[in-house]
Amino acid sequence: MTEVSAKAPKVEKEATVIVDLGENVDDAVARFGGDVIFSNYLASVKINVQSAIRRYLEAGLDSDAIQAKFENYKPGVTMDRVIDPIAALAAKLQKMTPEEREDAFAKLRAKLEG
């Protein structure tokens, strides 16, 4: 048995149900058929691949560089993340108050000068 929860923020509600999805792959295939299991697996993996592609595009990689990232792709194995340090810094600074931001800039200037 698998517990599945979902939230509906528009109506501020959530629910949890118990669903019998099988105990393992063999059990699931026996219950629902290989085609159903494979199509659901494929849909899930495609969503993960699309998410990774978006991250790489946002980080400035071109199609060839992105394709290279997927040459040895294995579902379930975390792919390397491309982090834009300027974007990360900007995101942190946006969350700060003006006073906190000025303090952070002062500390950064001191580090760069020292």
N, C-alpha and C. Protein backbone atom coordinates (compact mmCIF):
# COMPACT_ATOMS: atom_id res chain seq x y z
N MET A 1 0.85 -1.19 0.00
CA MET A 1 0.00 0.00 0.00
C MET A 1 0.88 1.24 0.00
N THR A 2 0.45 2.22 -0.77
CA THR A 2 1.20 3.45 -0.89
C THR A 2 0.32 4.62 -0.48
N GLU A 3 0.87 5.48 0.37
CA GLU A 3 0.15 6.67 0.80
C GLU A 3 0.50 7.81 -0.16
N VAL A 4 -0.53 8.47 -0.70
CA VAL A 4 -0.32 9.57 -1.65
C VAL A 4 -1.10 10.78 -1.15
N SER A 5 -0.39 11.91 -1.05
CA SER A 5 -1.01 13.16 -0.59
C SER A 5 -0.95 14.21 -1.69
N ALA A 6 -1.92 15.12 -1.65
CA ALA A 6 -1.92 16.24 -2.59
C ALA A 6 -2.57 17.44 -1.92
N LYS A 7 -2.08 18.62 -2.31
CA LYS A 7 -2.65 19.88 -1.82
C LYS A 7 -3.31 20.59 -2.98
N ALA A 8 -4.39 21.30 -2.68
CA ALA A 8 -5.08 22.14 -3.64
C ALA A 8 -5.05 23.56 -3.09
N PRO A 9 -3.95 24.29 -3.35
CA PRO A 9 -3.78 25.62 -2.75
C PRO A 9 -4.91 26.60 -3.06
N LYS A 10 -5.53 26.46 -4.23
CA LYS A 10 -6.60 27.40 -4.61
C LYS A 10 -7.78 27.32 -3.66
N VAL A 11 -8.02 26.15 -3.09
CA VAL A 11 -9.13 25.99 -2.15
C VAL A 11 -8.63 25.70 -0.74
N GLU A 12 -7.31 25.78 -0.56
CA GLU A 12 -6.68 25.58 0.75
C GLU A 12 -7.09 24.27 1.41
N LYS A 13 -7.00 23.18 0.63
CA LYS A 13 -7.33 21.86 1.16
C LYS A 13 -6.25 20.87 0.76
N GLU A 14 -6.23 19.76 1.49
CA GLU A 14 -5.35 18.66 1.12
C GLU A 14 -5.99 17.36 1.53
N ALA A 15 -5.56 16.29 0.84
CA ALA A 15 -6.11 14.97 1.16
C ALA A 15 -5.02 13.93 0.97
N THR A 16 -5.18 12.82 1.67
CA THR A 16 -4.27 11.69 1.56
C THR A 16 -5.11 10.45 1.34
N VAL A 17 -4.66 9.61 0.39
CA VAL A 17 -5.35 8.36 0.13
C VAL A 17 -4.34 7.22 0.19
N ILE A 18 -4.83 6.03 0.41
CA ILE A 18 -4.01 4.82 0.39
C ILE A 18 -4.38 4.08 -0.89
N VAL A 19 -3.36 3.77 -1.72
CA VAL A 19 -3.58 3.13 -3.00
C VAL A 19 -2.73 1.86 -3.07
N ASP A 20 -3.30 0.78 -3.57
CA ASP A 20 -2.56 -0.46 -3.72
C ASP A 20 -1.92 -0.46 -5.11
N LEU A 21 -0.65 -0.09 -5.17
CA LEU A 21 0.08 0.00 -6.44
C LEU A 21 1.03 -1.17 -6.66
N GLY A 22 1.01 -2.11 -5.76
CA GLY A 22 1.90 -3.26 -5.86
C GLY A 22 3.07 -3.11 -4.92
N GLU A 23 3.77 -4.21 -4.73
CA GLU A 23 4.88 -4.23 -3.78
C GLU A 23 6.23 -4.00 -4.44
N ASN A 24 6.34 -4.30 -5.73
CA ASN A 24 7.60 -4.13 -6.46
C ASN A 24 7.28 -4.12 -7.96
N VAL A 25 8.30 -4.03 -8.79
CA VAL A 25 8.08 -3.96 -10.24
C VAL A 25 7.36 -5.19 -10.75
N ASP A 26 7.78 -6.35 -10.34
CA ASP A 26 7.15 -7.58 -10.82
C ASP A 26 5.67 -7.63 -10.44
N ASP A 27 5.36 -7.24 -9.21
CA ASP A 27 3.97 -7.21 -8.76
C ASP A 27 3.17 -6.19 -9.56
N ALA A 28 3.75 -5.01 -9.78
CA ALA A 28 3.06 -3.97 -10.55
C ALA A 28 2.80 -4.43 -11.98
N VAL A 29 3.78 -5.07 -12.61
CA VAL A 29 3.60 -5.58 -13.97
C VAL A 29 2.50 -6.64 -13.99
N ALA A 30 2.49 -7.52 -13.00
CA ALA A 30 1.46 -8.56 -12.94
C ALA A 30 0.06 -7.95 -12.79
N ARG A 31 -0.04 -6.88 -12.00
CA ARG A 31 -1.35 -6.26 -11.75
C ARG A 31 -1.83 -5.40 -12.91
N PHE A 32 -0.91 -4.59 -13.47
CA PHE A 32 -1.33 -3.55 -14.41
C PHE A 32 -0.83 -3.75 -15.84
N GLY A 33 0.11 -4.64 -16.02
CA GLY A 33 0.66 -4.91 -17.36
C GLY A 33 1.92 -4.10 -17.61
N GLY A 34 2.80 -4.68 -18.37
CA GLY A 34 4.08 -4.03 -18.68
C GLY A 34 3.93 -2.72 -19.42
N ASP A 35 2.95 -2.62 -20.33
CA ASP A 35 2.76 -1.39 -21.10
C ASP A 35 2.40 -0.21 -20.19
N VAL A 36 1.53 -0.45 -19.23
CA VAL A 36 1.14 0.61 -18.30
C VAL A 36 2.33 1.04 -17.45
N ILE A 37 3.05 0.07 -16.94
CA ILE A 37 4.20 0.38 -16.08
C ILE A 37 5.25 1.16 -16.88
N PHE A 38 5.55 0.69 -18.10
CA PHE A 38 6.57 1.37 -18.90
C PHE A 38 6.13 2.77 -19.31
N SER A 39 4.86 2.96 -19.68
CA SER A 39 4.41 4.30 -20.10
C SER A 39 4.48 5.27 -18.93
N ASN A 40 4.16 4.82 -17.72
CA ASN A 40 4.26 5.69 -16.55
C ASN A 40 5.71 5.99 -16.19
N TYR A 41 6.56 4.99 -16.31
CA TYR A 41 8.00 5.19 -16.10
C TYR A 41 8.52 6.22 -17.09
N LEU A 42 8.17 6.06 -18.37
CA LEU A 42 8.64 6.97 -19.41
C LEU A 42 8.17 8.40 -19.14
N ALA A 43 6.91 8.56 -18.75
CA ALA A 43 6.38 9.89 -18.47
C ALA A 43 7.13 10.55 -17.32
N SER A 44 7.41 9.80 -16.28
CA SER A 44 8.13 10.34 -15.12
C SER A 44 9.56 10.73 -15.49
N VAL A 45 10.24 9.87 -16.22
CA VAL A 45 11.62 10.15 -16.60
C VAL A 45 11.68 11.36 -17.54
N LYS A 46 10.74 11.47 -18.46
CA LYS A 46 10.73 12.62 -19.37
C LYS A 46 10.60 13.94 -18.60
N ILE A 47 9.76 13.95 -17.57
CA ILE A 47 9.61 15.16 -16.76
C ILE A 47 10.93 15.52 -16.09
N ASN A 48 11.65 14.53 -15.57
CA ASN A 48 12.95 14.79 -14.94
C ASN A 48 13.96 15.30 -15.96
N VAL A 49 13.96 14.73 -17.16
CA VAL A 49 14.89 15.16 -18.20
C VAL A 49 14.55 16.60 -18.63
N GLN A 50 13.27 16.90 -18.80
CA GLN A 50 12.87 18.26 -19.16
C GLN A 50 13.31 19.28 -18.11
N SER A 51 13.19 18.91 -16.85
CA SER A 51 13.61 19.79 -15.77
C SER A 51 15.10 20.07 -15.85
N ALA A 52 15.89 19.03 -16.11
CA ALA A 52 17.34 19.20 -16.23
C ALA A 52 17.67 20.07 -17.44
N ILE A 53 16.99 19.84 -18.55
CA ILE A 53 17.23 20.65 -19.76
C ILE A 53 16.97 22.12 -19.45
N ARG A 54 15.86 22.41 -18.77
CA ARG A 54 15.55 23.80 -18.42
C ARG A 54 16.65 24.42 -17.56
N ARG A 55 17.13 23.68 -16.57
CA ARG A 55 18.21 24.20 -15.71
C ARG A 55 19.45 24.53 -16.54
N TYR A 56 19.81 23.63 -17.46
CA TYR A 56 20.99 23.84 -18.29
C TYR A 56 20.80 25.02 -19.25
N LEU A 57 19.60 25.15 -19.83
CA LEU A 57 19.32 26.30 -20.70
C LEU A 57 19.44 27.61 -19.93
N GLU A 58 18.86 27.62 -18.72
CA GLU A 58 18.91 28.83 -17.89
C GLU A 58 20.33 29.16 -17.47
N ALA A 59 21.19 28.15 -17.42
CA ALA A 59 22.59 28.37 -17.05
C ALA A 59 23.43 28.78 -18.26
N GLY A 60 22.79 28.83 -19.45
CA GLY A 60 23.50 29.31 -20.63
C GLY A 60 24.11 28.24 -21.52
N LEU A 61 23.85 26.97 -21.26
CA LEU A 61 24.42 25.92 -22.10
C LEU A 61 23.65 25.83 -23.42
N ASP A 62 24.36 25.48 -24.50
CA ASP A 62 23.70 25.30 -25.79
C ASP A 62 23.28 23.84 -25.96
N SER A 63 22.59 23.55 -27.05
CA SER A 63 22.05 22.20 -27.27
C SER A 63 23.12 21.13 -27.27
N ASP A 64 24.27 21.41 -27.90
CA ASP A 64 25.34 20.40 -27.94
C ASP A 64 25.89 20.11 -26.54
N ALA A 65 26.08 21.16 -25.75
CA ALA A 65 26.58 20.97 -24.38
C ALA A 65 25.57 20.22 -23.53
N ILE A 66 24.29 20.51 -23.75
CA ILE A 66 23.24 19.81 -22.99
C ILE A 66 23.21 18.34 -23.40
N GLN A 67 23.30 18.08 -24.70
CA GLN A 67 23.30 16.70 -25.16
C GLN A 67 24.46 15.93 -24.53
N ALA A 68 25.62 16.58 -24.43
CA ALA A 68 26.79 15.93 -23.83
C ALA A 68 26.52 15.55 -22.37
N LYS A 69 25.73 16.36 -21.67
CA LYS A 69 25.39 16.06 -20.27
C LYS A 69 24.58 14.76 -20.16
N PHE A 70 23.86 14.42 -21.24
CA PHE A 70 22.98 13.26 -21.22
C PHE A 70 23.59 12.02 -21.85
N GLU A 71 24.85 12.07 -22.26
CA GLU A 71 25.46 10.92 -22.92
C GLU A 71 25.45 9.67 -22.05
N ASN A 72 25.63 9.82 -20.76
CA ASN A 72 25.64 8.68 -19.84
C ASN A 72 24.52 8.76 -18.82
N TYR A 73 23.41 9.38 -19.22
CA TYR A 73 22.28 9.60 -18.31
C TYR A 73 21.70 8.28 -17.81
N LYS A 74 21.41 8.25 -16.52
CA LYS A 74 20.72 7.11 -15.90
C LYS A 74 19.61 7.67 -15.02
N PRO A 75 18.37 7.25 -15.25
CA PRO A 75 17.27 7.73 -14.40
C PRO A 75 17.56 7.42 -12.93
N GLY A 76 17.24 8.39 -12.09
CA GLY A 76 17.42 8.20 -10.66
C GLY A 76 18.78 8.62 -10.14
N VAL A 77 19.73 8.89 -11.05
CA VAL A 77 21.06 9.34 -10.66
C VAL A 77 21.11 10.85 -10.82
N THR A 78 21.45 11.56 -9.77
CA THR A 78 21.47 13.01 -9.79
C THR A 78 22.50 13.52 -10.79
N MET A 79 22.06 14.45 -11.63
CA MET A 79 22.95 15.06 -12.61
C MET A 79 23.65 16.26 -11.98
N ASP A 80 24.80 16.62 -12.53
CA ASP A 80 25.50 17.78 -12.00
C ASP A 80 24.68 19.04 -12.26
N ARG A 81 24.78 19.95 -11.35
CA ARG A 81 24.04 21.21 -11.46
C ARG A 81 25.00 22.30 -11.91
N VAL A 82 24.50 23.13 -12.81
CA VAL A 82 25.26 24.29 -13.24
C VAL A 82 24.73 25.46 -12.44
N ILE A 83 25.60 26.06 -11.65
CA ILE A 83 25.18 27.15 -10.78
C ILE A 83 25.82 28.45 -11.25
N ASP A 84 24.97 29.45 -11.46
CA ASP A 84 25.44 30.78 -11.80
C ASP A 84 25.67 31.51 -10.48
N PRO A 85 26.94 31.73 -10.11
CA PRO A 85 27.20 32.33 -8.79
C PRO A 85 26.63 33.74 -8.65
N ILE A 86 26.58 34.49 -9.74
CA ILE A 86 26.03 35.84 -9.68
C ILE A 86 24.52 35.78 -9.42
N ALA A 87 23.83 34.87 -10.12
CA ALA A 87 22.39 34.72 -9.92
C ALA A 87 22.10 34.25 -8.50
N ALA A 88 22.92 33.34 -7.99
CA ALA A 88 22.73 32.85 -6.62
C ALA A 88 22.94 33.98 -5.61
N LEU A 89 23.97 34.78 -5.83
CA LEU A 89 24.24 35.91 -4.94
C LEU A 89 23.10 36.93 -5.00
N ALA A 90 22.64 37.23 -6.21
CA ALA A 90 21.54 38.18 -6.37
C ALA A 90 20.29 37.69 -5.66
N ALA A 91 20.00 36.41 -5.77
CA ALA A 91 18.81 35.85 -5.11
C ALA A 91 18.91 36.00 -3.60
N LYS A 92 20.11 35.76 -3.06
CA LYS A 92 20.29 35.91 -1.61
C LYS A 92 20.14 37.37 -1.19
N LEU A 93 20.72 38.27 -1.98
CA LEU A 93 20.66 39.70 -1.65
C LEU A 93 19.22 40.23 -1.71
N GLN A 94 18.43 39.72 -2.65
CA GLN A 94 17.04 40.18 -2.78
C GLN A 94 16.22 39.83 -1.54
N LYS A 95 16.60 38.81 -0.83
CA LYS A 95 15.85 38.38 0.36
C LYS A 95 16.22 39.19 1.59
N MET A 96 17.28 39.99 1.48
CA MET A 96 17.77 40.75 2.63
C MET A 96 17.09 42.12 2.72
N THR A 97 17.07 42.64 3.93
CA THR A 97 16.62 44.01 4.12
C THR A 97 17.71 44.94 3.59
N PRO A 98 17.40 46.20 3.33
CA PRO A 98 18.44 47.12 2.86
C PRO A 98 19.64 47.20 3.82
N GLU A 99 19.37 47.13 5.11
CA GLU A 99 20.45 47.20 6.09
C GLU A 99 21.33 45.95 6.02
N GLU A 100 20.68 44.79 5.92
CA GLU A 100 21.44 43.53 5.81
C GLU A 100 22.27 43.52 4.52
N ARG A 101 21.70 44.06 3.46
CA ARG A 101 22.39 44.10 2.17
C ARG A 101 23.64 44.98 2.26
N GLU A 102 23.51 46.15 2.89
CA GLU A 102 24.66 47.05 3.05
C GLU A 102 25.75 46.40 3.88
N ASP A 103 25.36 45.69 4.93
CA ASP A 103 26.31 44.98 5.77
C ASP A 103 27.03 43.90 4.96
N ALA A 104 26.27 43.19 4.14
CA ALA A 104 26.86 42.13 3.31
C ALA A 104 27.85 42.74 2.31
N PHE A 105 27.49 43.87 1.70
CA PHE A 105 28.39 44.53 0.75
C PHE A 105 29.67 44.99 1.44
N ALA A 106 29.53 45.50 2.65
CA ALA A 106 30.70 45.96 3.40
C ALA A 106 31.64 44.80 3.69
N LYS A 107 31.06 43.67 4.12
CA LYS A 107 31.88 42.48 4.40
C LYS A 107 32.54 41.95 3.13
N LEU A 108 31.82 41.99 2.03
CA LEU A 108 32.37 41.53 0.75
C LEU A 108 33.52 42.42 0.31
N ARG A 109 33.34 43.75 0.42
CA ARG A 109 34.42 44.68 0.06
C ARG A 109 35.66 44.43 0.92
N ALA A 110 35.45 44.21 2.22
CA ALA A 110 36.57 43.96 3.13
C ALA A 110 37.30 42.67 2.72
N LYS A 111 36.56 41.64 2.36
CA LYS A 111 37.19 40.37 1.94
C LYS A 111 37.99 40.56 0.66
N LEU A 112 37.41 41.30 -0.29
CA LEU A 112 38.08 41.50 -1.57
C LEU A 112 39.35 42.36 -1.43
N GLU A 113 39.32 43.29 -0.49
CA GLU A 113 40.48 44.17 -0.28
C GLU A 113 41.55 43.53 0.60
N GLY A 114 41.14 42.57 1.40
CA GLY A 114 42.06 41.99 2.38
C GLY A 114 42.65 40.75 1.89
